[in-house]
Amino acid sequence: MSDPSTPAELIGEDLETWASLATVLEWLPSALDAQLQRDAELTHFEYGLLYALAQAPDRTLRLSVLAGYANSSLSRLSRAVSRLETKGWLRRETDPSDGRYTLATLSDLGSRKVEQATPGHVATVHRLVLDPLTQAQQRQLRQITQRIMRSIRDEGGWQPPASTS
């Protein structure tokens, strides 16, 4: 049931705000994919998986954890992991501490792929998202997106490791 205080349609500033966000949600993934495909033969989804593994202890995560980070079904994740495994960038094995789970481990070749792909990806993220914004706007964007994330789902998404600098 809808809330009677909520308008039946988006108008004015609400529509402008939503249209801007919806456009970014449509345009940004294909722009990120295009750069990564061209420069590293990876999709943004695949890069995210490899990057998460590269940041994990022992470069290893359970597939269910990876699926949560990527907001992916296990079947979509399994197809992507199979492609990455075929290229030698990661390997799968049964979790020795609990055989019900499968682990993904980034290989040395996969680690080199992440290192090779990261500079171009970082440059693209800067060009498309970070550089057009002031530091204050970046902070606002981070706070806004974190609020939206919490309104979608209680548990958090992937978080970068604590900074050592």
C-alpha atoms as a PDB file:
ATOM      1  CA  MET A   1       0.000   0.000   0.000  1.00  0.00           C
ATOM      2  CA  SER A   2       1.308   3.454  -0.842  1.00  0.00           C
ATOM      3  CA  ASP A   3       1.701   6.283   1.612  1.00  0.00           C
ATOM      4  CA  PRO A   4      -1.076   8.848   0.936  1.00  0.00           C
ATOM      5  CA  SER A   5       1.360  11.694   1.678  1.00  0.00           C
ATOM      6  CA  THR A   6       3.642  10.571  -1.168  1.00  0.00           C
ATOM      7  CA  PRO A   7       2.820  12.206  -4.519  1.00  0.00           C
ATOM      8  CA  ALA A   8       1.558   9.873  -7.253  1.00  0.00           C
ATOM      9  CA  GLU A   9       4.185  11.116  -9.682  1.00  0.00           C
ATOM     10  CA  LEU A  10       7.565  12.776  -9.654  1.00  0.00           C
ATOM     11  CA  ILE A  11       7.482  16.469 -10.485  1.00  0.00           C
ATOM     12  CA  GLY A  12       9.665  19.547 -10.141  1.00  0.00           C
ATOM     13  CA  GLU A  13      12.915  19.178  -8.226  1.00  0.00           C
ATOM     14  CA  ASP A  14      12.075  15.577  -7.257  1.00  0.00           C
ATOM     15  CA  LEU A  15      11.875  14.653 -10.942  1.00  0.00           C
ATOM     16  CA  GLU A  16      15.043  16.595 -11.779  1.00  0.00           C
ATOM     17  CA  THR A  17      16.964  14.886  -8.960  1.00  0.00           C
ATOM     18  CA  TRP A  18      15.713  11.435  -9.892  1.00  0.00           C
ATOM     19  CA  ALA A  19      16.323  11.976 -13.626  1.00  0.00           C
ATOM     20  CA  SER A  20      19.916  13.012 -12.941  1.00  0.00           C
ATOM     21  CA  LEU A  21      20.602  10.024 -10.701  1.00  0.00           C
ATOM     22  CA  ALA A  22      18.839   7.579 -13.034  1.00  0.00           C
ATOM     23  CA  THR A  23      20.897   8.864 -15.966  1.00  0.00           C
ATOM     24  CA  VAL A  24      24.151   8.424 -14.031  1.00  0.00           C
ATOM     25  CA  LEU A  25      23.050   4.908 -13.043  1.00  0.00           C
ATOM     26  CA  GLU A  26      22.565   4.098 -16.740  1.00  0.00           C
ATOM     27  CA  TRP A  27      25.578   5.883 -18.232  1.00  0.00           C
ATOM     28  CA  LEU A  28      28.325   5.203 -15.681  1.00  0.00           C
ATOM     29  CA  PRO A  29      28.387   1.366 -15.833  1.00  0.00           C
ATOM     30  CA  SER A  30      28.763   1.325 -19.622  1.00  0.00           C
ATOM     31  CA  ALA A  31      31.499   3.988 -19.485  1.00  0.00           C
ATOM     32  CA  LEU A  32      33.415   1.950 -16.891  1.00  0.00           C
ATOM     33  CA  ASP A  33      32.902  -1.256 -18.884  1.00  0.00           C
ATOM     34  CA  ALA A  34      34.096   0.367 -22.107  1.00  0.00           C
ATOM     35  CA  GLN A  35      37.404   1.496 -20.614  1.00  0.00           C
ATOM     36  CA  LEU A  36      38.076  -1.799 -18.823  1.00  0.00           C
ATOM     37  CA  GLN A  37      37.116  -3.881 -21.875  1.00  0.00           C
ATOM     38  CA  ARG A  38      39.362  -1.811 -24.121  1.00  0.00           C
ATOM     39  CA  ASP A  39      42.354  -1.656 -21.793  1.00  0.00           C
ATOM     40  CA  ALA A  40      42.165  -4.886 -19.779  1.00  0.00           C
ATOM     41  CA  GLU A  41      39.644  -7.244 -21.425  1.00  0.00           C
ATOM     42  CA  LEU A  42      37.520  -7.112 -18.265  1.00  0.00           C
ATOM     43  CA  THR A  43      34.031  -5.939 -17.439  1.00  0.00           C
ATOM     44  CA  HIS A  44      33.600  -3.642 -14.470  1.00  0.00           C
ATOM     45  CA  PHE A  45      31.862  -6.532 -12.679  1.00  0.00           C
ATOM     46  CA  GLU A  46      34.856  -8.833 -13.275  1.00  0.00           C
ATOM     47  CA  TYR A  47      37.320  -6.126 -12.247  1.00  0.00           C
ATOM     48  CA  GLY A  48      35.344  -5.626  -9.021  1.00  0.00           C
ATOM     49  CA  LEU A  49      35.584  -9.335  -8.231  1.00  0.00           C
ATOM     50  CA  LEU A  50      39.332  -9.435  -8.859  1.00  0.00           C
ATOM     51  CA  TYR A  51      39.865  -6.211  -6.910  1.00  0.00           C
ATOM     52  CA  ALA A  52      37.884  -7.498  -3.907  1.00  0.00           C
ATOM     53  CA  LEU A  53      39.992 -10.666  -3.910  1.00  0.00           C
ATOM     54  CA  ALA A  54      43.189  -8.626  -4.200  1.00  0.00           C
ATOM     55  CA  GLN A  55      42.197  -6.691  -1.059  1.00  0.00           C
ATOM     56  CA  ALA A  56      41.109  -9.765   0.938  1.00  0.00           C
ATOM     57  CA  PRO A  57      43.304 -11.585   3.447  1.00  0.00           C
ATOM     58  CA  ASP A  58      45.260 -14.278   1.586  1.00  0.00           C
ATOM     59  CA  ARG A  59      43.549 -12.963  -1.599  1.00  0.00           C
ATOM     60  CA  THR A  60      40.684 -15.363  -0.789  1.00  0.00           C
ATOM     61  CA  LEU A  61      36.942 -14.967  -0.176  1.00  0.00           C
ATOM     62  CA  ARG A  62      33.947 -17.261  -0.068  1.00  0.00           C
ATOM     63  CA  LEU A  63      31.891 -17.021  -3.248  1.00  0.00           C
ATOM     64  CA  SER A  64      28.861 -16.113  -1.133  1.00  0.00           C
ATOM     65  CA  VAL A  65      30.771 -13.116   0.274  1.00  0.00           C
ATOM     66  CA  LEU A  66      31.851 -12.063  -3.227  1.00  0.00           C
ATOM     67  CA  ALA A  67      28.243 -12.359  -4.394  1.00  0.00           C
ATOM     68  CA  GLY A  68      27.145 -10.079  -1.558  1.00  0.00           C
ATOM     69  CA  TYR A  69      29.799  -7.487  -2.384  1.00  0.00           C
ATOM     70  CA  ALA A  70      28.826  -7.553  -6.052  1.00  0.00           C
ATOM     71  CA  ASN A  71      25.063  -7.652  -5.389  1.00  0.00           C
ATOM     72  CA  SER A  72      25.051 -10.687  -7.615  1.00  0.00           C
ATOM     73  CA  SER A  73      23.177 -13.940  -7.748  1.00  0.00           C
ATOM     74  CA  LEU A  74      25.367 -16.983  -7.201  1.00  0.00           C
ATOM     75  CA  SER A  75      24.651 -18.104 -10.783  1.00  0.00           C
ATOM     76  CA  ARG A  76      25.834 -14.791 -12.313  1.00  0.00           C
ATOM     77  CA  LEU A  77      28.855 -14.845 -10.043  1.00  0.00           C
ATOM     78  CA  SER A  78      29.611 -18.457 -10.956  1.00  0.00           C
ATOM     79  CA  ARG A  79      29.586 -17.636 -14.678  1.00  0.00           C
ATOM     80  CA  ALA A  80      31.946 -14.701 -14.157  1.00  0.00           C
ATOM     81  CA  VAL A  81      34.220 -16.718 -11.876  1.00  0.00           C
ATOM     82  CA  SER A  82      34.322 -19.489 -14.497  1.00  0.00           C
ATOM     83  CA  ARG A  83      35.481 -16.969 -17.131  1.00  0.00           C
ATOM     84  CA  LEU A  84      38.148 -15.603 -14.795  1.00  0.00           C
ATOM     85  CA  GLU A  85      39.230 -19.097 -13.789  1.00  0.00           C
ATOM     86  CA  THR A  86      39.579 -20.113 -17.452  1.00  0.00           C
ATOM     87  CA  LYS A  87      41.961 -17.181 -17.929  1.00  0.00           C
ATOM     88  CA  GLY A  88      43.989 -18.315 -14.913  1.00  0.00           C
ATOM     89  CA  TRP A  89      43.190 -15.194 -12.872  1.00  0.00           C
ATOM     90  CA  LEU A  90      41.643 -17.055  -9.954  1.00  0.00           C
ATOM     91  CA  ARG A  91      40.941 -20.552  -8.726  1.00  0.00           C
ATOM     92  CA  ARG A  92      38.077 -22.124  -6.836  1.00  0.00           C
ATOM     93  CA  GLU A  93      38.310 -24.722  -4.111  1.00  0.00           C
ATOM     94  CA  THR A  94      36.168 -26.098  -1.344  1.00  0.00           C
ATOM     95  CA  ASP A  95      36.528 -24.235   1.924  1.00  0.00           C
ATOM     96  CA  PRO A  96      38.601 -26.601   4.105  1.00  0.00           C
ATOM     97  CA  SER A  97      36.992 -25.184   7.271  1.00  0.00           C
ATOM     98  CA  ASP A  98      33.439 -25.794   5.990  1.00  0.00           C
ATOM     99  CA  GLY A  99      32.882 -27.961   2.918  1.00  0.00           C
ATOM    100  CA  ARG A 100      29.511 -26.330   2.227  1.00  0.00           C
ATOM    101  CA  TYR A 101      31.301 -23.241   0.899  1.00  0.00           C
ATOM    102  CA  THR A 102      33.492 -22.565  -2.103  1.00  0.00           C
ATOM    103  CA  LEU A 103      36.458 -20.226  -1.934  1.00  0.00           C
ATOM    104  CA  ALA A 104      37.812 -18.049  -4.714  1.00  0.00           C
ATOM    105  CA  THR A 105      41.512 -17.220  -4.550  1.00  0.00           C
ATOM    106  CA  LEU A 106      43.241 -14.671  -6.728  1.00  0.00           C
ATOM    107  CA  SER A 107      46.189 -16.196  -8.589  1.00  0.00           C
ATOM    108  CA  ASP A 108      49.516 -14.457  -9.169  1.00  0.00           C
ATOM    109  CA  LEU A 109      48.420 -13.932 -12.779  1.00  0.00           C
ATOM    110  CA  GLY A 110      45.152 -12.435 -11.515  1.00  0.00           C
ATOM    111  CA  SER A 111      47.054 -10.155  -9.169  1.00  0.00           C
ATOM    112  CA  ARG A 112      49.112  -8.905 -12.102  1.00  0.00           C
ATOM    113  CA  LYS A 113      45.881  -8.361 -14.088  1.00  0.00           C
ATOM    114  CA  VAL A 114      44.479  -6.194 -11.278  1.00  0.00           C
ATOM    115  CA  GLU A 115      47.745  -4.236 -11.114  1.00  0.00           C
ATOM    116  CA  GLN A 116      47.659  -3.760 -14.909  1.00  0.00           C
ATOM    117  CA  ALA A 117      43.970  -2.734 -15.012  1.00  0.00           C
ATOM    118  CA  THR A 118      43.906  -0.446 -11.976  1.00  0.00           C
ATOM    119  CA  PRO A 119      45.695   2.673 -13.294  1.00  0.00           C
ATOM    120  CA  GLY A 120      43.338   3.058 -16.267  1.00  0.00           C
ATOM    121  CA  HIS A 121      40.306   2.352 -14.114  1.00  0.00           C
ATOM    122  CA  VAL A 122      41.437   4.896 -11.501  1.00  0.00           C
ATOM    123  CA  ALA A 123      42.006   7.494 -14.226  1.00  0.00           C
ATOM    124  CA  THR A 124      38.499   6.856 -15.580  1.00  0.00           C
ATOM    125  CA  VAL A 125      36.911   7.109 -12.124  1.00  0.00           C
ATOM    126  CA  HIS A 126      38.752  10.382 -11.566  1.00  0.00           C
ATOM    127  CA  ARG A 127      37.772  11.779 -14.961  1.00  0.00           C
ATOM    128  CA  LEU A 128      34.104  10.789 -14.763  1.00  0.00           C
ATOM    129  CA  VAL A 129      33.284  11.073 -11.057  1.00  0.00           C
ATOM    130  CA  LEU A 130      35.890  12.589  -8.769  1.00  0.00           C
ATOM    131  CA  ASP A 131      37.581  15.378 -10.741  1.00  0.00           C
ATOM    132  CA  PRO A 132      34.342  17.216 -11.659  1.00  0.00           C
ATOM    133  CA  LEU A 133      33.587  17.532  -7.924  1.00  0.00           C
ATOM    134  CA  THR A 134      35.133  19.626  -5.172  1.00  0.00           C
ATOM    135  CA  GLN A 135      36.375  17.847  -2.034  1.00  0.00           C
ATOM    136  CA  ALA A 136      33.212  19.002  -0.246  1.00  0.00           C
ATOM    137  CA  GLN A 137      31.036  17.611  -3.062  1.00  0.00           C
ATOM    138  CA  GLN A 138      32.920  14.296  -2.946  1.00  0.00           C
ATOM    139  CA  ARG A 139      32.231  14.090   0.786  1.00  0.00           C
ATOM    140  CA  GLN A 140      28.554  14.931   0.158  1.00  0.00           C
ATOM    141  CA  LEU A 141      28.338  12.310  -2.598  1.00  0.00           C
ATOM    142  CA  ARG A 142      29.834   9.695  -0.246  1.00  0.00           C
ATOM    143  CA  GLN A 143      27.348  10.602   2.501  1.00  0.00           C
ATOM    144  CA  ILE A 144      24.406  10.645   0.081  1.00  0.00           C
ATOM    145  CA  THR A 145      25.250   7.304  -1.499  1.00  0.00           C
ATOM    146  CA  GLN A 146      25.786   5.716   1.921  1.00  0.00           C
ATOM    147  CA  ARG A 147      22.322   6.884   2.993  1.00  0.00           C
ATOM    148  CA  ILE A 148      20.778   5.487  -0.181  1.00  0.00           C
ATOM    149  CA  MET A 149      22.637   2.191   0.328  1.00  0.00           C
ATOM    150  CA  ARG A 150      21.263   1.918   3.892  1.00  0.00           C
ATOM    151  CA  SER A 151      17.728   2.598   2.658  1.00  0.00           C
ATOM    152  CA  ILE A 152      18.066  -0.292   0.195  1.00  0.00           C
ATOM    153  CA  ARG A 153      19.718  -2.809   2.471  1.00  0.00           C
ATOM    154  CA  ASP A 154      20.653  -2.972   6.148  1.00  0.00           C
ATOM    155  CA  GLU A 155      23.979  -4.728   5.661  1.00  0.00           C
ATOM    156  CA  GLY A 156      26.810  -2.746   4.189  1.00  0.00           C
ATOM    157  CA  GLY A 157      28.484  -3.366   0.894  1.00  0.00           C
ATOM    158  CA  TRP A 158      32.170  -3.837   0.263  1.00  0.00           C
ATOM    159  CA  GLN A 159      34.305  -1.435   2.250  1.00  0.00           C
ATOM    160  CA  PRO A 160      37.877  -0.519   1.445  1.00  0.00           C
ATOM    161  CA  PRO A 161      40.473  -1.645   3.964  1.00  0.00           C
ATOM    162  CA  ALA A 162      41.376   0.926   6.610  1.00  0.00           C
ATOM    163  CA  SER A 163      43.807   3.461   5.236  1.00  0.00           C
ATOM    164  CA  THR A 164      47.334   3.275   6.556  1.00  0.00           C
ATOM    165  CA  SER A 165      48.247   6.787   5.482  1.00  0.00           C
END
